C-alpha atoms as a PDB file:
ATOM      1  CA  LYS A   1     226.654 160.823 -31.718  1.00  0.00           C
ATOM      2  CA  SER A   2     227.224 164.630 -32.308  1.00  0.00           C
ATOM      3  CA  LEU A   3     223.823 165.452 -33.029  1.00  0.00           C
ATOM      4  CA  GLU A   4     222.273 166.931 -29.946  1.00  0.00           C
ATOM      5  CA  TRP A   5     218.538 166.491 -30.482  1.00  0.00           C
ATOM      6  CA  PHE A   6     219.632 163.200 -32.057  1.00  0.00           C
ATOM      7  CA  LYS A   7     220.978 162.475 -28.195  1.00  0.00           C
ATOM      8  CA  ARG A   8     217.988 164.024 -26.796  1.00  0.00           C
ATOM      9  CA  VAL A   9     215.900 162.021 -28.688  1.00  0.00           C
ATOM     10  CA  TYR A  10     217.516 158.414 -28.254  1.00  0.00           C
ATOM     11  CA  PRO A  11     219.986 158.723 -25.957  1.00  0.00           C
ATOM     12  CA  ASN A  12     220.738 155.091 -26.512  1.00  0.00           C
ATOM     13  CA  ILE A  13     222.788 156.549 -29.031  1.00  0.00           C
ATOM     14  CA  GLU A  14     225.967 156.931 -27.308  1.00  0.00           C
ATOM     15  CA  LYS A  15     226.369 152.808 -26.718  1.00  0.00           C
ATOM     16  CA  VAL A  16     226.158 152.230 -30.363  1.00  0.00           C
ATOM     17  CA  LYS A  17     229.598 151.324 -31.775  1.00  0.00           C
ATOM     18  CA  ALA A  18     230.030 153.256 -35.065  1.00  0.00           C
ATOM     19  CA  PRO A  19     233.091 151.584 -36.919  1.00  0.00           C
ATOM     20  CA  VAL A  20     232.429 154.476 -39.565  1.00  0.00           C
ATOM     21  CA  LYS A  21     234.022 157.928 -40.560  1.00  0.00           C
ATOM     22  CA  GLY A  22     232.958 159.738 -43.485  1.00  0.00           C
ATOM     23  CA  THR A  23     232.622 157.303 -46.633  1.00  0.00           C
ATOM     24  CA  ASP A  24     235.493 155.296 -44.851  1.00  0.00           C
ATOM     25  CA  VAL A  25     234.294 152.200 -43.147  1.00  0.00           C
ATOM     26  CA  ASN A  26     236.298 149.474 -40.595  1.00  0.00           C
ATOM     27  CA  VAL A  27     234.949 146.090 -41.997  1.00  0.00           C
ATOM     28  CA  GLU A  28     236.766 144.317 -38.963  1.00  0.00           C
ATOM     29  CA  GLU A  29     235.010 146.138 -36.424  1.00  0.00           C
ATOM     30  CA  LEU A  30     231.786 146.247 -38.699  1.00  0.00           C
ATOM     31  CA  LEU A  31     231.910 142.398 -38.793  1.00  0.00           C
ATOM     32  CA  ALA A  32     232.586 142.253 -34.738  1.00  0.00           C
ATOM     33  CA  THR A  33     229.057 143.834 -34.350  1.00  0.00           C
ATOM     34  CA  LYS A  34     227.603 141.091 -36.613  1.00  0.00           C
ATOM     35  CA  PRO A  35     224.810 143.088 -38.562  1.00  0.00           C
ATOM     36  CA  ASP A  36     221.954 141.292 -40.089  1.00  0.00           C
ATOM     37  CA  VAL A  37     222.643 143.959 -42.520  1.00  0.00           C
ATOM     38  CA  LEU A  38     223.841 147.664 -43.241  1.00  0.00           C
ATOM     39  CA  LEU A  39     222.249 150.347 -44.689  1.00  0.00           C
ATOM     40  CA  ALA A  40     224.105 152.850 -45.969  1.00  0.00           C
ATOM     41  CA  SER A  41     224.268 156.211 -48.235  1.00  0.00           C
ATOM     42  CA  SER A  42     227.482 155.964 -49.169  1.00  0.00           C
ATOM     43  CA  SER A  43     228.345 153.418 -52.157  1.00  0.00           C
ATOM     44  CA  GLU A  44     231.762 152.915 -51.073  1.00  0.00           C
ATOM     45  CA  GLN A  45     230.488 151.506 -47.589  1.00  0.00           C
ATOM     46  CA  VAL A  46     227.992 149.205 -49.286  1.00  0.00           C
ATOM     47  CA  ALA A  47     230.821 147.952 -51.590  1.00  0.00           C
ATOM     48  CA  LYS A  48     233.235 147.201 -48.744  1.00  0.00           C
ATOM     49  CA  ALA A  49     230.778 145.552 -46.388  1.00  0.00           C
ATOM     50  CA  THR A  50     229.376 143.400 -49.682  1.00  0.00           C
ATOM     51  CA  GLU A  51     232.994 142.105 -50.540  1.00  0.00           C
ATOM     52  CA  ALA A  52     232.990 141.205 -46.494  1.00  0.00           C
ATOM     53  CA  GLY A  53     229.663 139.232 -46.863  1.00  0.00           C
ATOM     54  CA  ILE A  54     227.516 141.780 -44.908  1.00  0.00           C
ATOM     55  CA  PRO A  55     224.555 141.949 -46.931  1.00  0.00           C
ATOM     56  CA  SER A  56     224.315 145.813 -47.752  1.00  0.00           C
ATOM     57  CA  VAL A  57     221.220 148.161 -49.119  1.00  0.00           C
ATOM     58  CA  HIS A  58     222.352 151.668 -50.875  1.00  0.00           C
ATOM     59  CA  VAL A  59     219.723 154.261 -49.294  1.00  0.00           C
ATOM     60  CA  GLU A  60     220.395 157.554 -50.836  1.00  0.00           C
ATOM     61  CA  PHE A  61     218.274 160.437 -51.902  1.00  0.00           C
ATOM     62  CA  GLN A  62     218.557 163.834 -53.936  1.00  0.00           C
ATOM     63  CA  ASN A  63     214.976 164.521 -54.563  1.00  0.00           C
ATOM     64  CA  PHE A  64     211.279 163.694 -52.985  1.00  0.00           C
ATOM     65  CA  THR A  65     210.797 160.758 -54.784  1.00  0.00           C
ATOM     66  CA  ASP A  66     214.132 158.943 -53.777  1.00  0.00           C
ATOM     67  CA  LEU A  67     213.499 160.049 -49.780  1.00  0.00           C
ATOM     68  CA  LYS A  68     209.985 158.331 -50.160  1.00  0.00           C
ATOM     69  CA  ARG A  69     211.603 155.274 -52.167  1.00  0.00           C
ATOM     70  CA  THR A  70     214.116 155.330 -49.668  1.00  0.00           C
ATOM     71  CA  VAL A  71     211.679 155.341 -46.426  1.00  0.00           C
ATOM     72  CA  GLU A  72     209.882 152.095 -48.309  1.00  0.00           C
ATOM     73  CA  LEU A  73     213.040 150.051 -48.802  1.00  0.00           C
ATOM     74  CA  THR A  74     214.280 150.928 -44.997  1.00  0.00           C
ATOM     75  CA  ALA A  75     210.824 149.604 -44.088  1.00  0.00           C
ATOM     76  CA  GLU A  76     211.266 146.348 -46.344  1.00  0.00           C
ATOM     77  CA  VAL A  77     214.544 145.473 -45.366  1.00  0.00           C
ATOM     78  CA  ILE A  78     213.473 145.790 -41.534  1.00  0.00           C
ATOM     79  CA  GLY A  79     210.401 143.599 -42.818  1.00  0.00           C
ATOM     80  CA  THR A  80     208.011 143.773 -39.987  1.00  0.00           C
ATOM     81  CA  GLN A  81     204.153 144.785 -40.447  1.00  0.00           C
ATOM     82  CA  GLY A  82     204.928 147.844 -37.984  1.00  0.00           C
ATOM     83  CA  ALA A  83     207.873 149.173 -39.504  1.00  0.00           C
ATOM     84  CA  TYR A  84     205.651 148.918 -43.071  1.00  0.00           C
ATOM     85  CA  GLU A  85     202.607 150.550 -41.649  1.00  0.00           C
ATOM     86  CA  ARG A  86     204.987 153.643 -40.282  1.00  0.00           C
ATOM     87  CA  ALA A  87     206.465 153.960 -43.626  1.00  0.00           C
ATOM     88  CA  GLN A  88     202.762 154.271 -45.430  1.00  0.00           C
ATOM     89  CA  LYS A  89     202.371 156.944 -42.566  1.00  0.00           C
ATOM     90  CA  TYR A  90     205.016 158.957 -43.283  1.00  0.00           C
ATOM     91  CA  ASN A  91     204.724 158.976 -47.233  1.00  0.00           C
ATOM     92  CA  ALA A  92     201.401 160.000 -46.599  1.00  0.00           C
ATOM     93  CA  TYR A  93     202.192 162.982 -44.749  1.00  0.00           C
ATOM     94  CA  MET A  94     205.068 164.091 -46.982  1.00  0.00           C
ATOM     95  CA  LYS A  95     202.741 163.624 -49.748  1.00  0.00           C
ATOM     96  CA  ARG A  96     199.815 165.688 -48.028  1.00  0.00           C
ATOM     97  CA  ASN A  97     202.496 168.668 -47.352  1.00  0.00           C
ATOM     98  CA  ILE A  98     203.831 168.539 -50.645  1.00  0.00           C
ATOM     99  CA  SER A  99     200.239 168.770 -52.402  1.00  0.00           C
ATOM    100  CA  LEU A 100     199.432 171.594 -49.753  1.00  0.00           C
ATOM    101  CA  VAL A 101     202.386 174.045 -50.422  1.00  0.00           C
ATOM    102  CA  LYS A 102     201.596 173.101 -54.446  1.00  0.00           C
ATOM    103  CA  GLU A 103     197.904 173.756 -54.060  1.00  0.00           C
ATOM    104  CA  ARG A 104     198.659 177.245 -52.413  1.00  0.00           C
ATOM    105  CA  LEU A 105     201.546 178.470 -54.720  1.00  0.00           C
ATOM    106  CA  GLY A 106     201.114 176.407 -57.667  1.00  0.00           C
ATOM    107  CA  ASN A 107     200.293 179.863 -59.914  1.00  0.00           C
ATOM    108  CA  LEU A 108     202.277 181.942 -58.292  1.00  0.00           C
ATOM    109  CA  PRO A 109     204.089 184.596 -60.911  1.00  0.00           C
ATOM    110  CA  GLN A 110     207.755 184.486 -61.432  1.00  0.00           C
ATOM    111  CA  SER A 111     207.597 187.973 -60.077  1.00  0.00           C
ATOM    112  CA  ASP A 112     206.637 186.864 -56.823  1.00  0.00           C
ATOM    113  CA  LYS A 113     209.330 184.569 -56.259  1.00  0.00           C
ATOM    114  CA  PRO A 114     211.979 185.556 -54.290  1.00  0.00           C
ATOM    115  CA  LYS A 115     215.520 184.535 -55.097  1.00  0.00           C
ATOM    116  CA  VAL A 116     216.730 182.185 -52.948  1.00  0.00           C
ATOM    117  CA  LEU A 117     220.638 181.543 -51.636  1.00  0.00           C
ATOM    118  CA  HIS A 118     221.002 178.852 -49.268  1.00  0.00           C
ATOM    119  CA  ILE A 119     224.008 178.498 -47.413  1.00  0.00           C
ATOM    120  CA  GLY A 120     224.838 174.701 -45.917  1.00  0.00           C
ATOM    121  CA  ALA A 121     227.010 175.705 -42.844  1.00  0.00           C
ATOM    122  CA  GLY A 122     228.138 178.913 -41.124  1.00  0.00           C
ATOM    123  CA  ASP A 123     231.104 178.143 -40.836  1.00  0.00           C
ATOM    124  CA  GLU A 124     231.545 178.502 -44.607  1.00  0.00           C
ATOM    125  CA  VAL A 125     229.243 181.491 -45.498  1.00  0.00           C
ATOM    126  CA  THR A 126     230.218 181.300 -49.649  1.00  0.00           C
ATOM    127  CA  LYS A 127     229.607 178.020 -50.080  1.00  0.00           C
ATOM    128  CA  VAL A 128     225.899 177.745 -51.320  1.00  0.00           C
ATOM    129  CA  THR A 129     223.668 175.119 -53.084  1.00  0.00           C
ATOM    130  CA  GLY A 130     222.705 174.873 -56.535  1.00  0.00           C
ATOM    131  CA  SER A 131     221.274 172.833 -58.587  1.00  0.00           C
ATOM    132  CA  GLY A 132     220.532 169.048 -58.359  1.00  0.00           C
ATOM    133  CA  VAL A 133     220.002 168.401 -54.715  1.00  0.00           C
ATOM    134  CA  VAL A 134     217.038 168.038 -52.241  1.00  0.00           C
ATOM    135  CA  ILE A 135     217.276 171.929 -51.198  1.00  0.00           C
ATOM    136  CA  ASP A 136     216.895 172.941 -54.963  1.00  0.00           C
ATOM    137  CA  GLU A 137     213.783 170.762 -54.950  1.00  0.00           C
ATOM    138  CA  TRP A 138     212.123 172.200 -51.867  1.00  0.00           C
ATOM    139  CA  ILE A 139     213.239 175.667 -52.647  1.00  0.00           C
ATOM    140  CA  LYS A 140     211.282 175.805 -56.308  1.00  0.00           C
ATOM    141  CA  LEU A 141     208.269 173.755 -54.154  1.00  0.00           C
ATOM    142  CA  ALA A 142     208.167 176.701 -51.486  1.00  0.00           C
ATOM    143  CA  GLY A 143     207.582 179.319 -54.182  1.00  0.00           C
ATOM    144  CA  GLY A 144     211.091 180.512 -54.606  1.00  0.00           C
ATOM    145  CA  THR A 145     213.802 180.580 -57.009  1.00  0.00           C
ATOM    146  CA  ASN A 146     217.272 179.336 -56.711  1.00  0.00           C
ATOM    147  CA  ALA A 147     219.478 182.233 -56.585  1.00  0.00           C
ATOM    148  CA  VAL A 148     222.919 180.251 -58.040  1.00  0.00           C
ATOM    149  CA  SER A 149     220.674 177.553 -59.857  1.00  0.00           C
ATOM    150  CA  ASP A 150     223.862 177.556 -62.176  1.00  0.00           C
ATOM    151  CA  VAL A 151     225.613 175.938 -59.466  1.00  0.00           C
ATOM    152  CA  LYS A 152     225.993 172.041 -59.129  1.00  0.00           C
ATOM    153  CA  GLY A 153     225.447 170.667 -55.664  1.00  0.00           C
ATOM    154  CA  MET A 154     226.939 172.594 -52.590  1.00  0.00           C
ATOM    155  CA  LYS A 155     230.274 174.111 -53.729  1.00  0.00           C
ATOM    156  CA  GLY A 156     232.293 177.365 -52.794  1.00  0.00           C
ATOM    157  CA  VAL A 157     231.822 180.396 -54.786  1.00  0.00           C
ATOM    158  CA  SER A 158     233.393 183.840 -54.669  1.00  0.00           C
ATOM    159  CA  MET A 159     231.856 187.227 -52.737  1.00  0.00           C
ATOM    160  CA  GLU A 160     231.010 188.628 -56.439  1.00  0.00           C
ATOM    161  CA  GLN A 161     229.306 185.723 -57.596  1.00  0.00           C
ATOM    162  CA  ILE A 162     226.784 185.911 -54.225  1.00  0.00           C
ATOM    163  CA  THR A 163     226.913 189.987 -55.041  1.00  0.00           C
ATOM    164  CA  ALA A 164     225.636 189.276 -58.480  1.00  0.00           C
ATOM    165  CA  ALA A 165     223.194 187.029 -57.846  1.00  0.00           C
ATOM    166  CA  ALA A 166     221.856 189.640 -55.357  1.00  0.00           C
ATOM    167  CA  PRO A 167     219.310 186.799 -53.368  1.00  0.00           C
ATOM    168  CA  ASP A 168     216.172 188.307 -52.046  1.00  0.00           C
ATOM    169  CA  VAL A 169     216.219 185.589 -49.185  1.00  0.00           C
ATOM    170  CA  ILE A 170     219.441 184.117 -47.878  1.00  0.00           C
ATOM    171  CA  ILE A 171     218.873 180.568 -45.684  1.00  0.00           C
ATOM    172  CA  VAL A 172     221.711 179.358 -43.544  1.00  0.00           C
ATOM    173  CA  GLY A 173     221.619 175.366 -42.434  1.00  0.00           C
ATOM    174  CA  GLY A 174     223.543 173.357 -40.199  1.00  0.00           C
ATOM    175  CA  ASP A 175     224.160 173.702 -36.235  1.00  0.00           C
ATOM    176  CA  THR A 176     226.898 176.713 -37.023  1.00  0.00           C
ATOM    177  CA  SER A 177     223.826 178.534 -38.605  1.00  0.00           C
ATOM    178  CA  ALA A 178     223.970 181.463 -35.751  1.00  0.00           C
ATOM    179  CA  ARG A 179     227.543 182.237 -36.726  1.00  0.00           C
ATOM    180  CA  GLY A 180     226.717 182.338 -40.149  1.00  0.00           C
ATOM    181  CA  VAL A 181     223.818 184.560 -39.871  1.00  0.00           C
ATOM    182  CA  GLN A 182     225.947 187.307 -37.437  1.00  0.00           C
ATOM    183  CA  THR A 183     229.162 186.990 -39.901  1.00  0.00           C
ATOM    184  CA  ILE A 184     226.917 188.044 -43.114  1.00  0.00           C
ATOM    185  CA  LYS A 185     225.135 190.761 -40.834  1.00  0.00           C
ATOM    186  CA  ASP A 186     228.530 192.103 -40.018  1.00  0.00           C
ATOM    187  CA  ASP A 187     230.771 191.839 -43.199  1.00  0.00           C
ATOM    188  CA  ALA A 188     230.262 194.875 -44.988  1.00  0.00           C
ATOM    189  CA  ALA A 189     230.338 192.857 -48.072  1.00  0.00           C
ATOM    190  CA  TRP A 190     227.126 191.633 -47.523  1.00  0.00           C
ATOM    191  CA  ALA A 191     225.398 194.835 -46.674  1.00  0.00           C
ATOM    192  CA  ASP A 192     224.205 195.938 -50.266  1.00  0.00           C
ATOM    193  CA  ILE A 193     222.552 192.359 -50.720  1.00  0.00           C
ATOM    194  CA  PRO A 194     219.024 192.666 -50.910  1.00  0.00           C
ATOM    195  CA  ALA A 195     218.229 190.096 -48.129  1.00  0.00           C
ATOM    196  CA  VAL A 196     220.604 191.159 -45.772  1.00  0.00           C
ATOM    197  CA  LYS A 197     219.243 195.101 -46.397  1.00  0.00           C
ATOM    198  CA  ASN A 198     215.360 193.919 -46.050  1.00  0.00           C
ATOM    199  CA  GLY A 199     216.199 192.066 -42.988  1.00  0.00           C
ATOM    200  CA  LYS A 200     215.575 188.029 -44.757  1.00  0.00           C
ATOM    201  CA  VAL A 201     218.394 186.156 -43.390  1.00  0.00           C
ATOM    202  CA  TYR A 202     216.880 182.974 -41.830  1.00  0.00           C
ATOM    203  CA  ARG A 203     218.524 180.385 -39.711  1.00  0.00           C
ATOM    204  CA  ASN A 204     217.086 176.755 -40.993  1.00  0.00           C
ATOM    205  CA  PRO A 205     215.452 174.818 -38.293  1.00  0.00           C
ATOM    206  CA  LEU A 206     217.715 172.042 -36.533  1.00  0.00           C
ATOM    207  CA  GLY A 207     216.610 168.874 -35.041  1.00  0.00           C
ATOM    208  CA  THR A 208     217.431 165.180 -35.035  1.00  0.00           C
ATOM    209  CA  PHE A 209     219.509 166.069 -38.253  1.00  0.00           C
ATOM    210  CA  ASN A 210     218.858 169.515 -40.411  1.00  0.00           C
ATOM    211  CA  TRP A 211     215.784 169.684 -41.732  1.00  0.00           C
ATOM    212  CA  ASP A 212     217.158 171.028 -45.061  1.00  0.00           C
ATOM    213  CA  ARG A 213     218.839 167.743 -46.104  1.00  0.00           C
ATOM    214  CA  TYR A 214     218.577 164.139 -46.058  1.00  0.00           C
ATOM    215  CA  SER A 215     216.414 163.765 -43.362  1.00  0.00           C
ATOM    216  CA  THR A 216     212.560 162.402 -43.217  1.00  0.00           C
ATOM    217  CA  GLU A 217     212.260 165.992 -41.399  1.00  0.00           C
ATOM    218  CA  GLU A 218     212.137 166.985 -45.009  1.00  0.00           C
ATOM    219  CA  ALA A 219     208.513 166.656 -43.874  1.00  0.00           C
ATOM    220  CA  LEU A 220     208.690 169.822 -41.581  1.00  0.00           C
ATOM    221  CA  GLN A 221     211.172 171.567 -43.687  1.00  0.00           C
ATOM    222  CA  VAL A 222     208.726 171.568 -46.795  1.00  0.00           C
ATOM    223  CA  LEU A 223     206.081 173.572 -44.671  1.00  0.00           C
ATOM    224  CA  TRP A 224     208.602 175.620 -43.000  1.00  0.00           C
ATOM    225  CA  SER A 225     210.123 176.848 -45.894  1.00  0.00           C
ATOM    226  CA  ALA A 226     206.562 177.963 -47.774  1.00  0.00           C
ATOM    227  CA  LYS A 227     205.533 179.882 -44.354  1.00  0.00           C
ATOM    228  CA  THR A 228     209.035 181.247 -44.184  1.00  0.00           C
ATOM    229  CA  LEU A 229     208.896 182.759 -47.694  1.00  0.00           C
ATOM    230  CA  HIS A 230     205.368 183.355 -48.211  1.00  0.00           C
ATOM    231  CA  PRO A 231     203.871 183.957 -44.826  1.00  0.00           C
ATOM    232  CA  ASP A 232     200.457 185.591 -45.788  1.00  0.00           C
ATOM    233  CA  LYS A 233     199.399 182.044 -47.542  1.00  0.00           C
ATOM    234  CA  PHE A 234     199.796 179.947 -44.357  1.00  0.00           C
ATOM    235  CA  THR A 235     198.920 181.326 -41.808  1.00  0.00           C
ATOM    236  CA  ASP A 236     197.173 178.699 -40.511  1.00  0.00           C
ATOM    237  CA  VAL A 237     200.039 176.407 -40.626  1.00  0.00           C
ATOM    238  CA  ASP A 238     200.787 175.999 -36.986  1.00  0.00           C
ATOM    239  CA  LEU A 239     204.887 174.530 -37.313  1.00  0.00           C
ATOM    240  CA  VAL A 240     205.263 174.294 -33.517  1.00  0.00           C
ATOM    241  CA  LYS A 241     201.917 171.605 -33.459  1.00  0.00           C
ATOM    242  CA  GLU A 242     203.024 169.929 -37.134  1.00  0.00           C
ATOM    243  CA  THR A 243     207.197 169.761 -35.290  1.00  0.00           C
ATOM    244  CA  ARG A 244     205.680 168.057 -31.949  1.00  0.00           C
ATOM    245  CA  GLU A 245     202.954 165.969 -33.820  1.00  0.00           C
ATOM    246  CA  PHE A 246     205.587 164.814 -36.108  1.00  0.00           C
ATOM    247  CA  TYR A 247     208.228 163.882 -33.299  1.00  0.00           C
ATOM    248  CA  ALA A 248     205.508 161.734 -31.124  1.00  0.00           C
ATOM    249  CA  THR A 249     204.355 159.986 -34.476  1.00  0.00           C
ATOM    250  CA  TYR A 250     207.983 158.930 -36.030  1.00  0.00           C
ATOM    251  CA  TYR A 251     209.846 159.461 -33.289  1.00  0.00           C
ATOM    252  CA  GLY A 252     207.990 158.037 -30.096  1.00  0.00           C
ATOM    253  CA  TYR A 253     209.270 161.427 -28.607  1.00  0.00           C
ATOM    254  CA  ASN A 254     206.864 163.996 -26.863  1.00  0.00           C
ATOM    255  CA  LEU A 255     208.188 167.770 -27.316  1.00  0.00           C
ATOM    256  CA  THR A 256     207.432 170.440 -25.392  1.00  0.00           C
ATOM    257  CA  GLU A 257     206.232 173.637 -26.465  1.00  0.00           C
ATOM    258  CA  ASP A 258     209.496 175.172 -25.847  1.00  0.00           C
ATOM    259  CA  GLU A 259     211.784 172.199 -27.558  1.00  0.00           C
ATOM    260  CA  ALA A 260     209.772 172.499 -30.748  1.00  0.00           C
ATOM    261  CA  LYS A 261     210.445 176.165 -30.687  1.00  0.00           C
ATOM    262  CA  LEU A 262     214.046 175.416 -30.099  1.00  0.00           C
ATOM    263  CA  ILE A 263     214.277 173.418 -32.981  1.00  0.00           C
ATOM    264  CA  ILE A 264     212.534 175.551 -35.480  1.00  0.00           C
ATOM    265  CA  ALA A 265     214.813 178.433 -34.484  1.00  0.00           C
ATOM    266  CA  GLY A 266     217.911 176.229 -35.470  1.00  0.00           C
ATOM    267  CA  ASP A 267     218.901 175.850 -31.729  1.00  0.00           C
ATOM    268  CA  ALA A 268     220.619 173.067 -30.008  1.00  0.00           C
ATOM    269  CA  PRO A 269     218.599 171.825 -26.456  1.00  0.00           C
ATOM    270  CA  ARG A 270     218.655 173.624 -23.395  1.00  0.00           C
END
């Protein structure tokens, strides 16, 4: 309900009852909605709902393989031919994009792989993303190396650690990414970091959810990150066109060209 593009694409979300906060779930309120099934990425929610007699399915992923399995599992739970066909179509599209990037960047020498620092949100610029999560997977696929691969998951680090990592590229995600980029540019402590000196601090696209994590829009992130790190190798990839086609195909929503550009820029709807 707090995601602006989600509300634009599916206005009815405002009316949907949500007896959930974080990993907590109000079982009494959940039972009142009389669900046929609960899909949850939190094992705690699944356990609570199962105990209350609600059929529950754990859907969670930290890599591309499990994302595709999650899509298939969701279609299996919904159980219709349309759901199955849409899941197969999505997974084929995801596979196509991964294969395209691998094909063009597979033989890239290590010296041509920029060190990438991913920051999860603009209001916590020292909370960075290391290994063991899907973000690390697309950084590597896109022809980069994770500047903080020794960190596990998303964690706060010191400015000294960031300086020592010396990232060539910085990517800021979340709906406060604009604030994060500005903070980095204005703070003298970041001034000597290669990415800042060379103007390679970027906002990650943000659609119905963050492209960079836990969303089917990961299929678009694969293309965006590869084109951002190695633009010369993806001049033929039209991200505006890909985004508009994706939304029409999988969300049944016809984005305008300007709307697609806003999403790619990490901006909210006008």
